[in-house]
């Protein structure tokens, strides 16, 4: 049973870490929104704060006064049942509130929550606070990847953090892990935290399969590029082929061909491709096409979960061949929090594992990430199966 003090420390650590992520930024970096999927860092700071104010303080702290009448409108994300909000595409237009005002808002809400926890806690507050902490941890990863996109699309390609290691090499030799056919249980069990989309533990039948103990590397993917993989229509889904043609895709995101040598933008700035590092920033379309080229396939999320204890994971979110769907018996959270996961269970693929941007205490074997098939600004890679 988690104690109030442990939860309070977890909350404080989480709030502090979000601001640590933003520490290398200049004021001008906080407002930029290059594409709809990338939110300005200032918005993440405000949104994660609004979550605590909206779902906990407004309903559980006696006499609480909201920080600003405008902030619920500005920092709500997609909670239709809570009220109106700024359209997602317009977040980059929010030159006001200022960065200083957003940090003042964070301090105000953080102090109010600490006061609430020191005064009184009940099971409902503990549940909501735990969800809020993990919600902020999700946004810490989004913050990092959004910052990378913002700086990586700056023509100067500035360094974010010269100490951030995103391309650690997997030292183990290539092996294939064999899993025998049978009935396996899938989904979260136990009393520790998980999201509702991990619940509904159930049995699945799997046929014999093999899965790689290593992620696909930059060098291996470079072979696909050099073999004309982006020009071979038979390797691609029709939708993926349209995406390649329309977007003029010739390589993973952040790859740049300079003087006939491939470079990659990283948090350390522009560097030559490390061919031994795990591949990152690819779409599901690219993952599927590469697997086709290798005459193999992507694992399903169930195969991944059954096999994951036999390989290292956590450097890249791994595309699977599974659609993002509810487990048997799935039930959404009541009220507005029911909008957190269930409403997105359509037209998305599941990714498993975690990434170098995923914060500590926020990964587990049953975690189900999900994205639309053409997105690649996250640290997304692949592991082959056959």
Protein backbone atom coordinates (compact mmCIF):
# COMPACT_ATOMS: atom_id res chain seq x y z
CA UNK A 1 0.00 0.00 0.00
CA UNK A 2 1.51 3.30 -1.08
CA UNK A 3 1.76 5.85 1.74
CA UNK A 4 0.68 9.47 1.53
CA UNK A 5 4.29 10.58 2.00
CA UNK A 6 5.52 8.29 -0.78
CA UNK A 7 2.84 9.63 -3.11
CA UNK A 8 3.67 13.20 -2.12
CA UNK A 9 7.36 12.62 -2.86
CA UNK A 10 6.43 11.02 -6.21
CA UNK A 11 4.32 14.07 -7.05
CA UNK A 12 7.09 16.52 -6.13
CA UNK A 13 9.69 14.58 -8.11
CA UNK A 14 7.43 14.48 -11.16
CA UNK A 15 6.66 18.20 -11.07
CA UNK A 16 10.35 19.05 -10.67
CA UNK A 17 11.45 16.76 -13.50
CA UNK A 18 9.11 18.41 -15.99
CA UNK A 19 10.78 21.72 -15.31
CA UNK A 20 14.23 20.12 -15.53
CA UNK A 21 13.36 19.00 -19.06
CA UNK A 22 12.61 22.62 -19.96
CA UNK A 23 15.73 24.03 -18.30
CA UNK A 24 17.86 24.09 -21.51
CA UNK A 25 15.21 26.07 -23.40
CA UNK A 26 15.27 29.74 -24.25
CA UNK A 27 12.08 31.75 -23.81
CA UNK A 28 11.47 31.77 -27.57
CA UNK A 29 11.50 27.95 -27.67
CA UNK A 30 8.47 27.69 -25.38
CA UNK A 31 5.87 28.92 -27.89
CA UNK A 32 6.79 27.20 -31.17
CA UNK A 33 4.35 24.73 -32.79
CA UNK A 34 5.76 23.53 -36.15
CA UNK A 35 3.01 20.94 -36.82
CA UNK A 36 -0.32 20.01 -35.25
CA UNK A 37 1.10 16.95 -33.45
CA UNK A 38 3.77 19.00 -31.68
CA UNK A 39 2.57 21.24 -28.86
CA UNK A 40 4.59 24.19 -27.52
CA UNK A 41 6.54 23.36 -24.34
CA UNK A 42 4.67 26.15 -22.55
CA UNK A 43 1.39 24.42 -23.31
CA UNK A 44 2.60 21.12 -21.80
CA UNK A 45 3.62 22.95 -18.62
CA UNK A 46 0.17 24.49 -18.38
CA UNK A 47 -1.85 21.46 -19.41
CA UNK A 48 -0.30 19.10 -16.86
CA UNK A 49 -1.02 21.74 -14.22
CA UNK A 50 -4.61 22.23 -15.35
CA UNK A 51 -5.17 18.48 -15.02
CA UNK A 52 -4.47 18.61 -11.28
CA UNK A 53 -6.50 21.78 -10.82
CA UNK A 54 -9.50 20.56 -12.82
CA UNK A 55 -9.79 17.00 -11.53
CA UNK A 56 -8.56 17.35 -7.93
CA UNK A 57 -8.32 20.84 -6.49
CA UNK A 58 -11.62 22.21 -7.81
CA UNK A 59 -13.54 19.31 -6.31
CA UNK A 60 -11.58 18.27 -3.24
CA UNK A 61 -9.87 21.33 -1.73
CA UNK A 62 -12.21 23.41 0.36
CA UNK A 63 -12.12 27.09 -0.53
CA UNK A 64 -9.82 26.59 -3.50
CA UNK A 65 -9.67 29.56 -5.89
CA UNK A 66 -8.71 28.83 -9.47
CA UNK A 67 -5.59 30.62 -10.69
CA UNK A 68 -7.18 32.16 -13.80
CA UNK A 69 -10.62 32.03 -15.40
CA UNK A 70 -8.95 31.71 -18.84
CA UNK A 71 -6.61 28.81 -18.16
CA UNK A 72 -9.17 25.99 -18.40
CA UNK A 73 -9.95 27.18 -21.93
CA UNK A 74 -6.27 27.54 -22.81
CA UNK A 75 -4.92 24.29 -21.33
CA UNK A 76 -7.71 21.75 -21.77
CA UNK A 77 -6.59 19.21 -24.40
CA UNK A 78 -9.37 16.94 -25.64
CA UNK A 79 -11.80 16.63 -22.70
CA UNK A 80 -15.04 17.52 -24.46
CA UNK A 81 -17.12 16.92 -21.35
CA UNK A 82 -15.14 19.45 -19.30
CA UNK A 83 -15.67 22.50 -21.50
CA UNK A 84 -14.47 24.52 -24.45
CA UNK A 85 -10.80 24.66 -25.34
CA UNK A 86 -8.32 26.24 -27.72
CA UNK A 87 -8.20 24.32 -31.00
CA UNK A 88 -5.11 22.10 -31.08
CA UNK A 89 -3.71 23.76 -34.20
CA UNK A 90 -3.81 27.16 -32.45
CA UNK A 91 -1.67 26.32 -29.42
CA UNK A 92 1.31 27.97 -31.09
CA UNK A 93 -0.61 31.26 -31.24
CA UNK A 94 -0.63 31.54 -27.46
CA UNK A 95 2.01 34.20 -26.93
CA UNK A 96 -0.04 34.95 -23.81
CA UNK A 97 -0.14 33.78 -21.07
CA UNK A 98 3.57 34.38 -20.77
CA UNK A 99 6.10 31.73 -19.80
CA UNK A 100 6.51 33.46 -16.44
CA UNK A 101 2.73 33.33 -15.84
CA UNK A 102 2.64 29.62 -16.69
CA UNK A 103 5.42 28.88 -14.22
CA UNK A 104 3.56 30.94 -11.61
CA UNK A 105 0.48 28.81 -12.35
CA UNK A 106 2.52 25.64 -11.87
CA UNK A 107 3.83 26.83 -8.51
CA UNK A 108 0.37 27.87 -7.37
CA UNK A 109 -1.21 24.50 -8.16
CA UNK A 110 1.74 22.47 -6.88
CA UNK A 111 1.67 24.27 -3.52
CA UNK A 112 -2.11 23.87 -3.27
CA UNK A 113 -1.87 20.13 -3.93
CA UNK A 114 0.90 19.66 -1.40
CA UNK A 115 -1.24 21.51 1.13
CA UNK A 116 -4.23 19.32 0.31
CA UNK A 117 -2.23 16.12 0.75
CA UNK A 118 -0.83 17.30 4.05
CA UNK A 119 -4.33 18.19 5.29
CA UNK A 120 -6.43 15.31 4.07
CA UNK A 121 -6.39 12.37 1.67
CA UNK A 122 -8.95 9.79 0.75
CA UNK A 123 -9.04 6.95 -1.74
CA UNK A 124 -10.50 9.14 -4.47
CA UNK A 125 -7.80 11.79 -4.11
CA UNK A 126 -5.07 9.14 -4.10
CA UNK A 127 -6.51 7.56 -7.26
CA UNK A 128 -6.80 10.89 -9.08
CA UNK A 129 -3.37 12.07 -7.97
CA UNK A 130 -1.76 8.83 -9.15
CA UNK A 131 -3.40 9.19 -12.56
CA UNK A 132 -2.33 12.84 -12.67
CA UNK A 133 1.29 11.97 -11.90
CA UNK A 134 1.44 9.38 -14.66
CA UNK A 135 -0.37 11.75 -17.00
CA UNK A 136 2.40 14.28 -16.39
CA UNK A 137 5.01 11.59 -16.99
CA UNK A 138 3.42 10.91 -20.38
CA UNK A 139 3.76 14.60 -21.13
CA UNK A 140 7.40 14.56 -20.06
CA UNK A 141 8.07 12.20 -22.95
CA UNK A 142 5.97 14.35 -25.27
CA UNK A 143 7.86 17.41 -24.07
CA UNK A 144 11.18 15.86 -25.01
CA UNK A 145 10.03 14.67 -28.41
CA UNK A 146 8.23 17.93 -29.14
CA UNK A 147 11.34 19.88 -28.18
CA UNK A 148 13.40 17.67 -30.48
CA UNK A 149 11.01 18.36 -33.35
CA UNK A 150 11.03 22.11 -32.66
CA UNK A 151 14.84 22.32 -32.55
CA UNK A 152 15.34 19.69 -35.25
CA UNK A 153 13.30 21.79 -37.68
CA UNK A 154 15.17 24.95 -36.81
CA UNK A 155 17.57 25.54 -39.74
CA UNK A 156 20.42 25.94 -37.23
CA UNK A 157 19.67 22.51 -35.68
CA UNK A 158 20.79 23.67 -32.23
CA UNK A 159 21.94 21.37 -29.43
CA UNK A 160 19.32 20.68 -26.77
CA UNK A 161 21.47 18.74 -24.31
CA UNK A 162 24.98 17.55 -25.08
CA UNK A 163 24.72 14.86 -22.41
CA UNK A 164 21.49 13.22 -23.58
CA UNK A 165 22.25 9.75 -24.92
CA UNK A 166 19.61 8.54 -27.36
CA UNK A 167 21.60 6.04 -29.43
CA UNK A 168 22.95 3.38 -27.08
CA UNK A 169 24.19 0.32 -28.97
CA UNK A 170 22.77 -3.11 -28.19
CA UNK A 171 25.81 -5.31 -27.59
CA UNK A 172 24.19 -8.75 -27.79
CA UNK A 173 24.55 -10.79 -30.96
CA UNK A 174 21.52 -11.43 -33.15
CA UNK A 175 19.41 -14.37 -31.97
CA UNK A 176 15.88 -15.57 -32.59
CA UNK A 177 13.74 -16.33 -29.57
CA UNK A 178 11.35 -19.21 -30.17
CA UNK A 179 7.91 -19.24 -28.54
CA UNK A 180 5.84 -22.39 -28.75
CA UNK A 181 2.18 -22.35 -29.66
CA UNK A 182 -0.30 -22.32 -26.84
CA UNK A 183 -2.66 -20.28 -24.72
CA UNK A 184 -1.17 -17.29 -22.92
CA UNK A 185 -2.55 -14.66 -20.57
CA UNK A 186 -2.31 -11.02 -21.62
CA UNK A 187 -2.91 -7.82 -19.70
CA UNK A 188 -2.06 -6.20 -16.40
CA UNK A 189 -2.39 -8.02 -13.11
CA UNK A 190 -1.72 -6.88 -9.58
CA UNK A 191 -2.59 -3.72 -7.68
CA UNK A 192 0.13 -1.36 -8.90
CA UNK A 193 -0.77 1.44 -11.29
CA UNK A 194 -1.80 0.82 -14.88
CA UNK A 195 -4.06 2.51 -17.42
CA UNK A 196 -7.54 1.20 -18.08
CA UNK A 197 -6.56 0.03 -21.58
CA UNK A 198 -4.23 -2.57 -19.99
CA UNK A 199 -7.06 -4.15 -18.02
CA UNK A 200 -9.25 -7.06 -18.90
CA UNK A 201 -6.59 -9.72 -18.47
CA UNK A 202 -7.50 -12.45 -20.91
CA UNK A 203 -6.27 -15.51 -22.75
CA UNK A 204 -4.99 -15.55 -26.32
CA UNK A 205 -3.91 -18.40 -28.53
CA UNK A 206 -0.56 -17.95 -30.27
CA UNK A 207 0.96 -20.09 -32.98
CA UNK A 208 4.66 -20.95 -32.98
CA UNK A 209 6.72 -17.84 -33.73
CA UNK A 210 10.19 -16.40 -33.44
CA UNK A 211 11.09 -12.86 -32.43
CA UNK A 212 14.42 -11.03 -32.61
CA UNK A 213 16.33 -10.29 -29.43
CA UNK A 214 17.54 -7.04 -31.02
CA UNK A 215 15.95 -3.95 -32.49
CA UNK A 216 16.59 -3.14 -36.14
CA UNK A 217 19.62 -0.82 -36.40
CA UNK A 218 20.31 2.27 -38.50
CA UNK A 219 22.79 0.27 -40.57
CA UNK A 220 20.26 -2.45 -41.32
CA UNK A 221 17.69 0.10 -42.34
CA UNK A 222 20.26 1.89 -44.50
CA UNK A 223 20.52 -1.32 -46.51
CA UNK A 224 16.78 -1.06 -47.15
CA UNK A 225 17.20 2.54 -48.35
CA UNK A 226 20.15 1.68 -50.59
CA UNK A 227 18.19 -1.24 -52.07
CA UNK A 228 15.49 1.21 -53.17
CA UNK A 229 13.01 0.28 -50.47
CA UNK A 230 11.21 3.61 -50.73
CA UNK A 231 10.71 3.05 -54.47
CA UNK A 232 9.34 -0.51 -54.40
CA UNK A 233 5.58 -0.19 -54.33
CA UNK A 234 5.02 -3.90 -53.63
CA UNK A 235 6.57 -3.54 -50.16
CA UNK A 236 4.01 -1.01 -49.00
CA UNK A 237 0.39 -0.85 -48.00
CA UNK A 238 -1.57 1.25 -50.50
CA UNK A 239 -2.04 3.92 -47.85
CA UNK A 240 1.65 3.79 -46.96
CA UNK A 241 2.66 4.10 -50.61
CA UNK A 242 0.41 7.17 -50.98
CA UNK A 243 2.06 8.60 -47.85
CA UNK A 244 5.57 8.05 -49.28
CA UNK A 245 4.64 9.64 -52.61
CA UNK A 246 2.69 12.58 -51.20
CA UNK A 247 5.16 13.42 -48.44
CA UNK A 248 8.22 12.62 -50.61
CA UNK A 249 9.65 10.39 -47.89
CA UNK A 250 13.12 8.96 -48.60
CA UNK A 251 14.44 8.21 -45.08
CA UNK A 252 13.47 8.25 -41.39
CA UNK A 253 12.64 11.54 -39.73
CA UNK A 254 15.73 13.63 -38.85
CA UNK A 255 17.94 11.90 -41.45
CA UNK A 256 19.80 14.29 -43.77
CA UNK A 257 21.95 13.35 -46.76
CA UNK A 258 24.90 15.75 -46.74
CA UNK A 259 27.75 15.32 -49.25
CA UNK A 260 26.47 11.79 -49.94
CA UNK A 261 26.74 10.84 -46.26
CA UNK A 262 23.77 10.32 -43.97
CA UNK A 263 23.52 12.49 -40.88
CA UNK A 264 20.92 12.53 -38.13
CA UNK A 265 19.65 15.31 -35.92
CA UNK A 266 19.90 14.31 -32.25
CA UNK A 267 19.57 16.10 -28.93
CA UNK A 268 23.33 16.66 -29.26
CA UNK A 269 22.84 18.37 -32.62
CA UNK A 270 23.52 17.13 -36.15
CA UNK A 271 25.76 14.04 -36.18
CA UNK A 272 26.81 11.34 -38.62
CA UNK A 273 24.56 8.30 -38.54
CA UNK A 274 25.65 5.70 -36.02
CA UNK A 275 24.96 2.56 -38.03
CA UNK A 276 25.02 0.32 -34.94
CA UNK A 277 22.41 2.34 -33.01
CA UNK A 278 18.75 1.27 -32.93
CA UNK A 279 16.63 2.81 -35.66
CA UNK A 280 14.25 5.56 -34.53
CA UNK A 281 11.60 7.95 -35.81
CA UNK A 282 9.90 5.72 -38.36
CA UNK A 283 6.20 5.35 -39.12
CA UNK A 284 4.24 2.13 -39.00
CA UNK A 285 4.24 2.25 -42.81
CA UNK A 286 8.05 2.17 -42.86
CA UNK A 287 8.25 -0.55 -40.23
CA UNK A 288 5.86 -2.73 -42.23
CA UNK A 289 7.68 -2.12 -45.53
CA UNK A 290 11.06 -2.96 -44.00
CA UNK A 291 9.67 -6.20 -42.54
CA UNK A 292 8.24 -7.08 -45.96
CA UNK A 293 11.62 -6.41 -47.56
CA UNK A 294 13.23 -8.79 -45.05
CA UNK A 295 10.50 -11.35 -45.82
CA UNK A 296 9.46 -11.23 -42.19
CA UNK A 297 6.80 -9.34 -40.22
CA UNK A 298 6.10 -7.23 -37.17
CA UNK A 299 5.08 -9.05 -33.98
CA UNK A 300 1.58 -8.67 -32.62
CA UNK A 301 1.32 -6.91 -29.28
CA UNK A 302 0.42 -10.27 -27.69
CA UNK A 303 3.51 -11.97 -29.10
CA UNK A 304 5.61 -9.07 -27.85
CA UNK A 305 4.17 -9.27 -24.33
CA UNK A 306 4.66 -13.03 -24.09
CA UNK A 307 8.27 -12.84 -25.29
CA UNK A 308 9.42 -9.55 -23.70
CA UNK A 309 11.04 -11.12 -20.64
CA UNK A 310 13.60 -12.77 -22.93
CA UNK A 311 14.99 -9.59 -24.53
CA UNK A 312 15.94 -6.07 -23.52
CA UNK A 313 13.45 -3.33 -24.30
CA UNK A 314 12.93 0.34 -23.53
CA UNK A 315 15.09 2.23 -26.04
CA UNK A 316 12.43 2.55 -28.73
CA UNK A 317 8.67 2.30 -28.86
CA UNK A 318 8.16 -0.76 -31.03
CA UNK A 319 5.50 -0.84 -33.71
CA UNK A 320 3.35 -3.96 -33.59
CA UNK A 321 0.91 -5.45 -36.06
CA UNK A 322 -1.98 -4.99 -33.62
CA UNK A 323 -4.78 -2.50 -33.97
CA UNK A 324 -5.49 -0.47 -30.83
CA UNK A 325 -8.67 -2.10 -29.56
CA UNK A 326 -10.26 -2.73 -26.16
CA UNK A 327 -9.52 -5.92 -24.27
CA UNK A 328 -12.44 -8.21 -23.38
CA UNK A 329 -14.49 -6.67 -20.61
CA UNK A 330 -12.90 -3.25 -21.04
CA UNK A 331 -14.66 -0.51 -19.10
CA UNK A 332 -13.88 3.18 -19.35
CA UNK A 333 -13.36 5.29 -16.27
CA UNK A 334 -16.56 7.13 -15.28
CA UNK A 335 -16.88 10.80 -16.10
CA UNK A 336 -14.37 12.95 -17.97
CA UNK A 337 -11.45 10.62 -17.24
CA UNK A 338 -13.20 8.09 -19.45
CA UNK A 339 -12.01 10.22 -22.37
CA UNK A 340 -8.38 9.39 -21.53
CA UNK A 341 -7.96 6.22 -23.61
CA UNK A 342 -11.17 4.65 -24.84
CA UNK A 343 -12.16 7.36 -27.32
CA UNK A 344 -8.95 6.77 -29.30
CA UNK A 345 -9.52 3.07 -29.98
CA UNK A 346 -9.93 3.48 -33.73
CA UNK A 347 -7.51 3.79 -36.66
CA UNK A 348 -4.38 3.44 -34.53
CA UNK A 349 -1.65 0.84 -34.04
CA UNK A 350 -0.26 -0.39 -30.72
CA UNK A 351 3.38 0.18 -29.78
CA UNK A 352 5.07 -1.66 -26.94
CA UNK A 353 8.10 -1.11 -24.74
CA UNK A 354 9.24 2.43 -24.05
CA UNK A 355 11.93 4.81 -25.25
CA UNK A 356 14.95 6.80 -24.16
CA UNK A 357 12.51 9.67 -23.60
CA UNK A 358 10.16 7.68 -21.35
CA UNK A 359 10.58 8.79 -17.71
CA UNK A 360 11.46 6.41 -14.90
CA UNK A 361 8.67 4.49 -13.17
CA UNK A 362 6.53 4.74 -16.28
CA UNK A 363 7.15 1.53 -18.23
CA UNK A 364 5.88 -2.00 -17.74
CA UNK A 365 5.41 -5.07 -19.94
CA UNK A 366 1.67 -4.47 -20.37
CA UNK A 367 1.88 -0.75 -21.30
CA UNK A 368 -0.04 -0.10 -24.54
CA UNK A 369 1.08 3.01 -26.38
CA UNK A 370 -0.78 3.92 -29.56
CA UNK A 371 -0.31 6.23 -32.51
CA UNK A 372 -1.67 6.78 -35.98
CA UNK A 373 0.23 4.95 -38.69
CA UNK A 374 1.95 7.94 -40.31
CA UNK A 375 3.38 9.53 -37.16
CA UNK A 376 7.09 9.31 -36.38
CA UNK A 377 8.18 12.18 -34.17
CA UNK A 378 8.34 9.77 -31.22
CA UNK A 379 11.29 7.41 -30.71
CA UNK A 380 9.61 4.66 -32.72
CA UNK A 381 11.49 1.64 -34.04
CA UNK A 382 10.87 -2.03 -34.77
CA UNK A 383 11.71 -5.58 -33.84
CA UNK A 384 11.22 -8.33 -36.41
CA UNK A 385 9.24 -11.52 -36.01
CA UNK A 386 8.74 -14.58 -38.17
